[in-house]
Amino acid sequence: MKKIGILFGQENSFPWAFIDRVNQKTGGEGIVAEAVRIDKVIQGEPCGYDVIIDRISQDVPFYRAFLKNAALTGTGKTFIACTIRKNSIALTAKPGSW
């Protein structure tokens, strides 16, 4: 089963409406959407999501590290505010270091 996670902060309308709509459309078969749950992050281990929709990492550096690990360990796509993030690693790189 494919898993879509949405990573968000205090906003309360869009994330839950998105989760409900995806789960309604798929009927829980083949694809499921949920809020991202982070228990612990171990470098080099997959997070369990096939797609992560990111709505908060621009404000919380820890989430950027989590998303980098997810991208490097096999999460298929990472989105930011519903647009594809081309290079999540460059967001935290120091100017001139790339």
Protein backbone atom coordinates (compact mmCIF):
# COMPACT_ATOMS: atom_id res chain seq x y z
CA MET A 1 0.00 0.00 0.00
CA LYS A 2 1.27 3.47 -0.92
CA LYS A 3 1.37 6.03 1.87
CA ILE A 4 1.06 9.81 1.46
CA GLY A 5 2.14 11.91 4.43
CA ILE A 6 1.47 15.58 4.98
CA LEU A 7 3.88 17.48 7.21
CA PHE A 8 2.27 20.62 8.64
CA GLY A 9 2.23 22.97 11.61
CA GLN A 10 -0.71 24.61 13.36
CA GLU A 11 -2.90 25.05 10.31
CA ASN A 12 -6.08 23.09 10.70
CA SER A 13 -8.17 23.27 7.54
CA PHE A 14 -6.20 22.21 4.45
CA PRO A 15 -4.20 19.25 5.84
CA TRP A 16 -7.16 17.41 7.32
CA ALA A 17 -9.39 18.18 4.33
CA PHE A 18 -6.67 16.81 2.03
CA ILE A 19 -6.27 13.65 4.11
CA ASP A 20 -10.03 13.08 4.24
CA ARG A 21 -10.43 13.64 0.49
CA VAL A 22 -7.60 11.31 -0.52
CA ASN A 23 -8.86 8.57 1.78
CA GLN A 24 -12.42 9.09 0.53
CA LYS A 25 -11.37 8.87 -3.13
CA THR A 26 -9.23 5.75 -2.66
CA GLY A 27 -11.47 4.00 -0.18
CA GLY A 28 -8.38 2.95 1.75
CA GLU A 29 -7.33 0.53 -1.00
CA GLY A 30 -3.90 0.98 -2.49
CA ILE A 31 -3.29 4.54 -1.25
CA VAL A 32 -3.72 6.03 2.21
CA ALA A 33 -3.07 9.60 3.39
CA GLU A 34 -2.18 10.63 6.93
CA ALA A 35 -0.37 13.27 8.94
CA VAL A 36 3.36 12.50 9.05
CA ARG A 37 4.33 10.82 12.30
CA ILE A 38 7.93 11.20 13.40
CA ASP A 39 8.93 8.92 16.24
CA LYS A 40 12.66 9.03 15.70
CA VAL A 41 14.90 9.73 12.75
CA ILE A 42 17.77 7.36 12.09
CA GLN A 43 20.09 8.44 9.34
CA GLY A 44 19.87 6.16 6.33
CA GLU A 45 16.62 4.43 7.33
CA PRO A 46 13.40 4.98 5.33
CA CYS A 47 10.55 6.91 6.92
CA GLY A 48 7.78 4.78 5.43
CA TYR A 49 6.12 7.36 3.17
CA ASP A 50 6.01 7.19 -0.63
CA VAL A 51 5.10 10.89 -0.95
CA ILE A 52 5.47 13.68 1.60
CA ILE A 53 3.66 16.99 1.21
CA ASP A 54 5.68 19.54 3.15
CA ARG A 55 4.01 22.67 4.50
CA ILE A 56 6.27 23.54 7.44
CA SER A 57 9.98 22.81 6.84
CA GLN A 58 10.69 26.39 5.79
CA ASP A 59 10.10 27.32 9.46
CA VAL A 60 11.50 24.28 11.31
CA PRO A 61 15.07 23.19 10.47
CA PHE A 62 14.58 19.72 12.01
CA TYR A 63 11.91 18.94 9.41
CA ARG A 64 14.35 19.86 6.63
CA ALA A 65 16.77 17.26 7.97
CA PHE A 66 13.93 14.73 8.16
CA LEU A 67 12.96 15.45 4.53
CA LYS A 68 16.56 15.14 3.34
CA ASN A 69 16.79 11.73 4.98
CA ALA A 70 13.44 10.72 3.46
CA ALA A 71 14.58 11.80 -0.01
CA LEU A 72 17.89 9.97 0.30
CA THR A 73 16.34 6.73 1.58
CA GLY A 74 13.62 6.27 -0.94
CA THR A 75 10.64 8.60 -0.54
CA GLY A 76 9.55 9.00 -4.13
CA LYS A 77 8.50 12.64 -4.09
CA THR A 78 8.69 15.56 -1.70
CA PHE A 79 6.37 18.50 -2.27
CA ILE A 80 6.41 21.90 -0.65
CA ALA A 81 3.16 23.81 -0.41
CA CYS A 82 1.82 21.63 -3.23
CA THR A 83 4.63 22.43 -5.67
CA ILE A 84 7.51 20.12 -6.41
CA ARG A 85 10.67 21.00 -4.53
CA LYS A 86 13.50 20.61 -6.97
CA ASN A 87 16.34 20.44 -4.49
CA SER A 88 15.54 20.26 -0.79
CA ILE A 89 19.22 19.99 0.07
CA ALA A 90 20.02 23.39 -1.46
CA LEU A 91 17.51 25.04 0.89
CA THR A 92 19.89 24.57 3.85
CA ALA A 93 23.20 24.77 2.00
CA LYS A 94 25.38 27.77 2.67
CA PRO A 95 25.67 30.21 -0.25
CA GLY A 96 28.68 29.38 -2.33
CA SER A 97 28.98 25.84 -0.94
CA TRP A 98 27.36 24.28 -4.01
